[in-house]
């Protein structure tokens, strides 16, 4: 699978906060123009995202698979952009979707779906260990879309993601949601993405035209194979 999409400049203030209906306490967020299916639904980029969604629904999800890690060898290729847009597209199709920002080194989801107030996230849940609850997951941030932010950065991210609490969390998320999409840090800088993908069992590589080396893609695919992670394809960004 090889598709192309163009990313626009980030504008986290492009759309007003999404208020909870009937005075409920759901998190209020601001939506970036980079979420194409919402801000630019008629654009070519939005159509590419919807085509990717259709492909995954017909193959990946139809086989009973409920999770997908978005990974890339290098930073700056648009992994977060693809993860957020794909999660929103799944939610728009009526699927109960969870988006997790597991990049505990340089989180980016909160720049595209910006909370109006600080909220706990994945880091706080994992630091709580056996005492963790699912309260950090923000339900219905958008219709059918729940979100687990990264919860900040720190020096012991690798240990947190390698522990049993993370595996238990992922297992619970997959039970509670029809689709779980996880954004990960670059694999050439950190080993986190391989650990994350191993727990999810399925991964897709995000690459950037004229930037990502074919050899790096091939090397990452081989690493996934050795980890017994099923690689379902490559998404090519062009921006």
C-alpha atoms as a PDB file:
ATOM      1  CA  UNK A   1       0.000   0.000   0.000  1.00  0.00           C
ATOM      2  CA  UNK A   2       1.522   3.328  -1.068  1.00  0.00           C
ATOM      3  CA  UNK A   3      -0.507   6.531  -0.993  1.00  0.00           C
ATOM      4  CA  UNK A   4       0.343  10.227  -1.015  1.00  0.00           C
ATOM      5  CA  UNK A   5      -1.097  13.150   0.917  1.00  0.00           C
ATOM      6  CA  UNK A   6      -0.134  16.789   1.294  1.00  0.00           C
ATOM      7  CA  UNK A   7       0.084  18.428   4.720  1.00  0.00           C
ATOM      8  CA  UNK A   8      -0.837  22.087   5.234  1.00  0.00           C
ATOM      9  CA  UNK A   9       0.760  24.477   7.752  1.00  0.00           C
ATOM     10  CA  UNK A  10      -0.428  23.768  11.271  1.00  0.00           C
ATOM     11  CA  UNK A  11      -3.220  26.024  12.537  1.00  0.00           C
ATOM     12  CA  UNK A  12      -4.393  24.762  15.948  1.00  0.00           C
ATOM     13  CA  UNK A  13      -6.735  27.760  16.300  1.00  0.00           C
ATOM     14  CA  UNK A  14      -8.488  27.171  13.000  1.00  0.00           C
ATOM     15  CA  UNK A  15     -11.773  25.935  14.459  1.00  0.00           C
ATOM     16  CA  UNK A  16     -13.457  26.875  17.743  1.00  0.00           C
ATOM     17  CA  UNK A  17     -13.573  24.615  20.764  1.00  0.00           C
ATOM     18  CA  UNK A  18     -15.899  21.641  20.595  1.00  0.00           C
ATOM     19  CA  UNK A  19     -18.255  22.056  23.543  1.00  0.00           C
ATOM     20  CA  UNK A  20     -19.890  19.191  25.369  1.00  0.00           C
ATOM     21  CA  UNK A  21     -23.581  19.060  24.611  1.00  0.00           C
ATOM     22  CA  UNK A  22     -26.218  19.729  27.248  1.00  0.00           C
ATOM     23  CA  UNK A  23     -23.643  21.081  29.700  1.00  0.00           C
ATOM     24  CA  UNK A  24     -21.701  17.818  30.029  1.00  0.00           C
ATOM     25  CA  UNK A  25     -18.088  17.756  31.186  1.00  0.00           C
ATOM     26  CA  UNK A  26     -16.406  16.442  28.066  1.00  0.00           C
ATOM     27  CA  UNK A  27     -13.057  17.997  27.235  1.00  0.00           C
ATOM     28  CA  UNK A  28     -13.178  21.124  25.073  1.00  0.00           C
ATOM     29  CA  UNK A  29     -10.673  21.137  22.222  1.00  0.00           C
ATOM     30  CA  UNK A  30      -9.543  23.261  19.310  1.00  0.00           C
ATOM     31  CA  UNK A  31      -9.177  21.597  15.915  1.00  0.00           C
ATOM     32  CA  UNK A  32      -6.292  22.254  13.526  1.00  0.00           C
ATOM     33  CA  UNK A  33      -6.834  22.888   9.822  1.00  0.00           C
ATOM     34  CA  UNK A  34      -4.445  19.969   9.316  1.00  0.00           C
ATOM     35  CA  UNK A  35      -7.280  17.581  10.177  1.00  0.00           C
ATOM     36  CA  UNK A  36      -8.345  17.446   6.575  1.00  0.00           C
ATOM     37  CA  UNK A  37     -11.563  15.438   6.838  1.00  0.00           C
ATOM     38  CA  UNK A  38     -12.926  18.130   9.149  1.00  0.00           C
ATOM     39  CA  UNK A  39     -11.369  21.370   7.956  1.00  0.00           C
ATOM     40  CA  UNK A  40     -10.963  20.594   4.244  1.00  0.00           C
ATOM     41  CA  UNK A  41     -13.328  17.690   3.510  1.00  0.00           C
ATOM     42  CA  UNK A  42     -13.370  18.318  -0.258  1.00  0.00           C
ATOM     43  CA  UNK A  43      -9.580  18.454  -0.620  1.00  0.00           C
ATOM     44  CA  UNK A  44      -7.478  15.844  -2.387  1.00  0.00           C
ATOM     45  CA  UNK A  45      -5.708  15.118   0.892  1.00  0.00           C
ATOM     46  CA  UNK A  46      -8.978  14.347   2.670  1.00  0.00           C
ATOM     47  CA  UNK A  47      -9.933  11.999  -0.141  1.00  0.00           C
ATOM     48  CA  UNK A  48      -6.623  10.158   0.199  1.00  0.00           C
ATOM     49  CA  UNK A  49      -7.209   9.724   3.934  1.00  0.00           C
ATOM     50  CA  UNK A  50     -10.692   8.357   3.267  1.00  0.00           C
ATOM     51  CA  UNK A  51      -9.249   5.977   0.666  1.00  0.00           C
ATOM     52  CA  UNK A  52      -6.733   4.736   3.221  1.00  0.00           C
ATOM     53  CA  UNK A  53      -9.583   4.246   5.701  1.00  0.00           C
ATOM     54  CA  UNK A  54     -11.561   2.246   3.130  1.00  0.00           C
ATOM     55  CA  UNK A  55      -8.534   0.082   2.380  1.00  0.00           C
ATOM     56  CA  UNK A  56      -7.962  -0.661   6.065  1.00  0.00           C
ATOM     57  CA  UNK A  57     -11.631  -1.360   6.749  1.00  0.00           C
ATOM     58  CA  UNK A  58     -11.835  -3.795   3.838  1.00  0.00           C
ATOM     59  CA  UNK A  59      -8.663  -5.633   4.779  1.00  0.00           C
ATOM     60  CA  UNK A  60      -7.154  -4.956   8.199  1.00  0.00           C
ATOM     61  CA  UNK A  61     -10.362  -4.461  10.220  1.00  0.00           C
ATOM     62  CA  UNK A  62     -12.370  -7.012   8.260  1.00  0.00           C
ATOM     63  CA  UNK A  63      -9.954  -9.657   9.518  1.00  0.00           C
ATOM     64  CA  UNK A  64     -10.858  -8.820  13.115  1.00  0.00           C
ATOM     65  CA  UNK A  65      -7.783  -6.675  13.759  1.00  0.00           C
ATOM     66  CA  UNK A  66      -8.471  -3.754  16.096  1.00  0.00           C
ATOM     67  CA  UNK A  67      -5.122  -1.964  16.499  1.00  0.00           C
ATOM     68  CA  UNK A  68      -2.478  -0.181  14.442  1.00  0.00           C
ATOM     69  CA  UNK A  69       0.797   1.523  15.342  1.00  0.00           C
ATOM     70  CA  UNK A  70       1.934   4.349  13.064  1.00  0.00           C
ATOM     71  CA  UNK A  71       5.751   4.276  12.864  1.00  0.00           C
ATOM     72  CA  UNK A  72       8.561   5.985  10.937  1.00  0.00           C
ATOM     73  CA  UNK A  73      12.347   5.719  10.865  1.00  0.00           C
ATOM     74  CA  UNK A  74      12.843   9.501  11.155  1.00  0.00           C
ATOM     75  CA  UNK A  75      11.127  12.477  12.733  1.00  0.00           C
ATOM     76  CA  UNK A  76       9.412  15.078  10.587  1.00  0.00           C
ATOM     77  CA  UNK A  77       7.717  12.772   8.096  1.00  0.00           C
ATOM     78  CA  UNK A  78       4.146  13.345   9.317  1.00  0.00           C
ATOM     79  CA  UNK A  79       3.439  10.319  11.501  1.00  0.00           C
ATOM     80  CA  UNK A  80       1.275  12.333  13.882  1.00  0.00           C
ATOM     81  CA  UNK A  81      -0.505  14.007  10.971  1.00  0.00           C
ATOM     82  CA  UNK A  82      -1.430  10.599   9.510  1.00  0.00           C
ATOM     83  CA  UNK A  83      -2.375   9.085  12.879  1.00  0.00           C
ATOM     84  CA  UNK A  84      -4.747  11.938  13.785  1.00  0.00           C
ATOM     85  CA  UNK A  85      -6.323  12.196  10.339  1.00  0.00           C
ATOM     86  CA  UNK A  86      -6.825   8.442  10.104  1.00  0.00           C
ATOM     87  CA  UNK A  87      -8.376   8.246  13.579  1.00  0.00           C
ATOM     88  CA  UNK A  88     -10.797  11.064  12.720  1.00  0.00           C
ATOM     89  CA  UNK A  89     -11.692   9.349   9.438  1.00  0.00           C
ATOM     90  CA  UNK A  90     -12.488   6.098  11.254  1.00  0.00           C
ATOM     91  CA  UNK A  91     -14.640   8.005  13.741  1.00  0.00           C
ATOM     92  CA  UNK A  92     -16.505   9.706  10.902  1.00  0.00           C
ATOM     93  CA  UNK A  93     -17.277   6.242   9.512  1.00  0.00           C
ATOM     94  CA  UNK A  94     -19.083   5.440  12.773  1.00  0.00           C
ATOM     95  CA  UNK A  95     -16.366   3.276  14.343  1.00  0.00           C
ATOM     96  CA  UNK A  96     -15.671   3.610  18.070  1.00  0.00           C
ATOM     97  CA  UNK A  97     -12.090   4.865  17.765  1.00  0.00           C
ATOM     98  CA  UNK A  98      -9.325   5.583  20.272  1.00  0.00           C
ATOM     99  CA  UNK A  99      -6.248   7.658  19.398  1.00  0.00           C
ATOM    100  CA  UNK A 100      -3.224   7.298  21.689  1.00  0.00           C
ATOM    101  CA  UNK A 101      -0.227   9.637  21.629  1.00  0.00           C
ATOM    102  CA  UNK A 102       2.566   7.285  22.702  1.00  0.00           C
ATOM    103  CA  UNK A 103       5.375   9.620  21.682  1.00  0.00           C
ATOM    104  CA  UNK A 104       6.551  10.413  25.183  1.00  0.00           C
ATOM    105  CA  UNK A 105       9.648  12.205  23.848  1.00  0.00           C
ATOM    106  CA  UNK A 106       8.023  14.803  21.575  1.00  0.00           C
ATOM    107  CA  UNK A 107       4.210  14.560  21.689  1.00  0.00           C
ATOM    108  CA  UNK A 108       2.332  16.122  18.797  1.00  0.00           C
ATOM    109  CA  UNK A 109      -1.314  15.108  18.943  1.00  0.00           C
ATOM    110  CA  UNK A 110      -2.143  18.021  21.240  1.00  0.00           C
ATOM    111  CA  UNK A 111      -1.057  20.454  18.500  1.00  0.00           C
ATOM    112  CA  UNK A 112      -3.727  19.074  16.177  1.00  0.00           C
ATOM    113  CA  UNK A 113      -6.466  18.442  18.747  1.00  0.00           C
ATOM    114  CA  UNK A 114      -5.595  21.068  21.328  1.00  0.00           C
ATOM    115  CA  UNK A 115      -7.196  20.762  24.775  1.00  0.00           C
ATOM    116  CA  UNK A 116      -8.382  23.974  26.395  1.00  0.00           C
ATOM    117  CA  UNK A 117      -6.883  22.857  29.708  1.00  0.00           C
ATOM    118  CA  UNK A 118      -4.055  20.528  30.803  1.00  0.00           C
ATOM    119  CA  UNK A 119      -5.125  16.914  31.107  1.00  0.00           C
ATOM    120  CA  UNK A 120      -3.381  13.754  32.349  1.00  0.00           C
ATOM    121  CA  UNK A 121      -2.333  11.242  29.753  1.00  0.00           C
ATOM    122  CA  UNK A 122      -0.486   8.029  28.973  1.00  0.00           C
ATOM    123  CA  UNK A 123       2.541   8.908  31.083  1.00  0.00           C
ATOM    124  CA  UNK A 124       0.465   9.406  34.228  1.00  0.00           C
ATOM    125  CA  UNK A 125      -1.414   6.161  33.653  1.00  0.00           C
ATOM    126  CA  UNK A 126       1.791   4.160  33.238  1.00  0.00           C
ATOM    127  CA  UNK A 127       3.481   5.815  36.216  1.00  0.00           C
ATOM    128  CA  UNK A 128       0.512   4.754  38.342  1.00  0.00           C
ATOM    129  CA  UNK A 129       1.270   1.118  37.456  1.00  0.00           C
ATOM    130  CA  UNK A 130      -1.174  -1.346  38.950  1.00  0.00           C
ATOM    131  CA  UNK A 131      -3.172   1.538  40.412  1.00  0.00           C
ATOM    132  CA  UNK A 132      -3.855   3.086  37.006  1.00  0.00           C
ATOM    133  CA  UNK A 133      -7.407   3.729  35.897  1.00  0.00           C
ATOM    134  CA  UNK A 134      -8.806   4.598  32.485  1.00  0.00           C
ATOM    135  CA  UNK A 135      -9.763   8.112  33.630  1.00  0.00           C
ATOM    136  CA  UNK A 136      -7.060   9.773  31.520  1.00  0.00           C
ATOM    137  CA  UNK A 137      -8.806   8.672  28.322  1.00  0.00           C
ATOM    138  CA  UNK A 138     -10.888  11.601  27.079  1.00  0.00           C
ATOM    139  CA  UNK A 139     -14.170  10.210  25.720  1.00  0.00           C
ATOM    140  CA  UNK A 140     -16.011  11.672  22.735  1.00  0.00           C
ATOM    141  CA  UNK A 141     -13.538  14.459  22.042  1.00  0.00           C
ATOM    142  CA  UNK A 142     -15.217  14.262  18.642  1.00  0.00           C
ATOM    143  CA  UNK A 143     -18.171  12.005  17.800  1.00  0.00           C
ATOM    144  CA  UNK A 144     -16.958   8.380  18.077  1.00  0.00           C
ATOM    145  CA  UNK A 145     -13.397   9.522  18.866  1.00  0.00           C
ATOM    146  CA  UNK A 146     -11.750   9.170  22.273  1.00  0.00           C
ATOM    147  CA  UNK A 147      -8.223  10.379  22.918  1.00  0.00           C
ATOM    148  CA  UNK A 148      -5.379   9.549  25.262  1.00  0.00           C
ATOM    149  CA  UNK A 149      -2.799  12.342  25.225  1.00  0.00           C
ATOM    150  CA  UNK A 150       0.861  11.663  25.966  1.00  0.00           C
ATOM    151  CA  UNK A 151       0.818  13.458  29.291  1.00  0.00           C
ATOM    152  CA  UNK A 152       4.169  15.168  28.811  1.00  0.00           C
ATOM    153  CA  UNK A 153       7.766  14.037  28.414  1.00  0.00           C
ATOM    154  CA  UNK A 154      10.310  12.481  30.728  1.00  0.00           C
ATOM    155  CA  UNK A 155      13.556  10.558  30.994  1.00  0.00           C
ATOM    156  CA  UNK A 156      12.138   7.078  31.635  1.00  0.00           C
ATOM    157  CA  UNK A 157       9.726   6.722  28.734  1.00  0.00           C
ATOM    158  CA  UNK A 158      11.320   3.515  27.446  1.00  0.00           C
ATOM    159  CA  UNK A 159      10.906   1.796  30.797  1.00  0.00           C
ATOM    160  CA  UNK A 160       7.247   2.843  31.021  1.00  0.00           C
ATOM    161  CA  UNK A 161       6.413   1.504  27.565  1.00  0.00           C
ATOM    162  CA  UNK A 162       8.312  -1.731  28.179  1.00  0.00           C
ATOM    163  CA  UNK A 163       6.413  -2.565  31.365  1.00  0.00           C
ATOM    164  CA  UNK A 164       3.390  -4.777  31.913  1.00  0.00           C
ATOM    165  CA  UNK A 165       1.018  -1.841  32.640  1.00  0.00           C
ATOM    166  CA  UNK A 166       1.350  -0.679  29.034  1.00  0.00           C
ATOM    167  CA  UNK A 167       0.471  -4.108  27.663  1.00  0.00           C
ATOM    168  CA  UNK A 168      -2.532  -4.311  29.995  1.00  0.00           C
ATOM    169  CA  UNK A 169      -3.620  -0.840  28.921  1.00  0.00           C
ATOM    170  CA  UNK A 170      -3.421  -1.721  25.231  1.00  0.00           C
ATOM    171  CA  UNK A 171      -5.361  -4.945  25.794  1.00  0.00           C
ATOM    172  CA  UNK A 172      -8.119  -3.014  27.605  1.00  0.00           C
ATOM    173  CA  UNK A 173      -8.216  -0.347  24.903  1.00  0.00           C
ATOM    174  CA  UNK A 174      -8.616  -2.939  22.174  1.00  0.00           C
ATOM    175  CA  UNK A 175     -11.445  -4.584  24.083  1.00  0.00           C
ATOM    176  CA  UNK A 176     -13.257  -1.280  24.599  1.00  0.00           C
ATOM    177  CA  UNK A 177     -12.817   0.215  21.119  1.00  0.00           C
ATOM    178  CA  UNK A 178     -13.331  -0.992  17.586  1.00  0.00           C
ATOM    179  CA  UNK A 179     -10.135   0.728  16.428  1.00  0.00           C
ATOM    180  CA  UNK A 180      -7.068   1.809  18.425  1.00  0.00           C
ATOM    181  CA  UNK A 181      -4.563   4.022  16.583  1.00  0.00           C
ATOM    182  CA  UNK A 182      -1.213   4.742  18.266  1.00  0.00           C
ATOM    183  CA  UNK A 183       1.249   7.479  17.291  1.00  0.00           C
ATOM    184  CA  UNK A 184       4.890   6.582  18.023  1.00  0.00           C
ATOM    185  CA  UNK A 185       8.323   8.287  18.133  1.00  0.00           C
ATOM    186  CA  UNK A 186      10.899   7.780  15.328  1.00  0.00           C
ATOM    187  CA  UNK A 187      12.547   4.376  15.426  1.00  0.00           C
ATOM    188  CA  UNK A 188      16.077   5.559  14.556  1.00  0.00           C
ATOM    189  CA  UNK A 189      16.158   7.714  17.692  1.00  0.00           C
ATOM    190  CA  UNK A 190      14.217   5.562  20.148  1.00  0.00           C
ATOM    191  CA  UNK A 191      13.327   1.917  20.584  1.00  0.00           C
ATOM    192  CA  UNK A 192       9.844   2.800  21.907  1.00  0.00           C
ATOM    193  CA  UNK A 193       8.050   2.310  18.591  1.00  0.00           C
ATOM    194  CA  UNK A 194       9.169  -1.317  18.296  1.00  0.00           C
ATOM    195  CA  UNK A 195       7.932  -2.033  21.823  1.00  0.00           C
ATOM    196  CA  UNK A 196       4.620  -0.332  21.083  1.00  0.00           C
ATOM    197  CA  UNK A 197       4.152  -2.164  17.785  1.00  0.00           C
ATOM    198  CA  UNK A 198       4.957  -5.482  19.434  1.00  0.00           C
ATOM    199  CA  UNK A 199       2.108  -4.951  21.890  1.00  0.00           C
ATOM    200  CA  UNK A 200      -0.313  -3.867  19.174  1.00  0.00           C
ATOM    201  CA  UNK A 201       0.943  -6.612  16.779  1.00  0.00           C
ATOM    202  CA  UNK A 202       0.244  -4.506  13.675  1.00  0.00           C
ATOM    203  CA  UNK A 203       2.094  -1.519  12.243  1.00  0.00           C
ATOM    204  CA  UNK A 204       2.128   0.805   9.260  1.00  0.00           C
ATOM    205  CA  UNK A 205       5.251   2.724   8.208  1.00  0.00           C
ATOM    206  CA  UNK A 206       4.916   6.419   7.386  1.00  0.00           C
ATOM    207  CA  UNK A 207       7.478   7.811   4.953  1.00  0.00           C
ATOM    208  CA  UNK A 208       8.077  11.181   3.293  1.00  0.00           C
ATOM    209  CA  UNK A 209       8.786  11.582  -0.404  1.00  0.00           C
ATOM    210  CA  UNK A 210      12.383  12.620  -1.172  1.00  0.00           C
ATOM    211  CA  UNK A 211      13.260  12.426   2.530  1.00  0.00           C
ATOM    212  CA  UNK A 212      12.857   8.876   3.859  1.00  0.00           C
ATOM    213  CA  UNK A 213      15.464   6.419   2.599  1.00  0.00           C
ATOM    214  CA  UNK A 214      14.244   3.188   1.049  1.00  0.00           C
ATOM    215  CA  UNK A 215      16.920   1.342   3.008  1.00  0.00           C
ATOM    216  CA  UNK A 216      15.540   2.720   6.285  1.00  0.00           C
ATOM    217  CA  UNK A 217      12.044   1.526   5.387  1.00  0.00           C
ATOM    218  CA  UNK A 218      13.405  -1.891   4.499  1.00  0.00           C
ATOM    219  CA  UNK A 219      15.402  -2.035   7.725  1.00  0.00           C
ATOM    220  CA  UNK A 220      12.385  -1.117   9.849  1.00  0.00           C
ATOM    221  CA  UNK A 221      10.272  -3.718   8.048  1.00  0.00           C
ATOM    222  CA  UNK A 222      12.892  -6.342   8.870  1.00  0.00           C
ATOM    223  CA  UNK A 223      12.900  -5.287  12.519  1.00  0.00           C
ATOM    224  CA  UNK A 224       9.127  -5.657  12.667  1.00  0.00           C
ATOM    225  CA  UNK A 225       9.408  -9.105  11.119  1.00  0.00           C
ATOM    226  CA  UNK A 226      11.925 -10.166  13.762  1.00  0.00           C
ATOM    227  CA  UNK A 227       9.559  -8.804  16.439  1.00  0.00           C
ATOM    228  CA  UNK A 228       6.666 -10.762  14.894  1.00  0.00           C
ATOM    229  CA  UNK A 229       4.815  -7.558  14.107  1.00  0.00           C
ATOM    230  CA  UNK A 230       2.619  -7.683  10.999  1.00  0.00           C
ATOM    231  CA  UNK A 231       3.460  -4.797   8.671  1.00  0.00           C
ATOM    232  CA  UNK A 232       0.334  -3.888   6.734  1.00  0.00           C
ATOM    233  CA  UNK A 233       1.879  -1.324   4.390  1.00  0.00           C
ATOM    234  CA  UNK A 234       3.564   2.048   3.895  1.00  0.00           C
ATOM    235  CA  UNK A 235       1.947   5.480   3.703  1.00  0.00           C
ATOM    236  CA  UNK A 236       3.855   8.048   1.638  1.00  0.00           C
ATOM    237  CA  UNK A 237       3.535  11.685   2.688  1.00  0.00           C
ATOM    238  CA  UNK A 238       4.284  14.416   0.176  1.00  0.00           C
ATOM    239  CA  UNK A 239       4.532  17.943   1.617  1.00  0.00           C
END
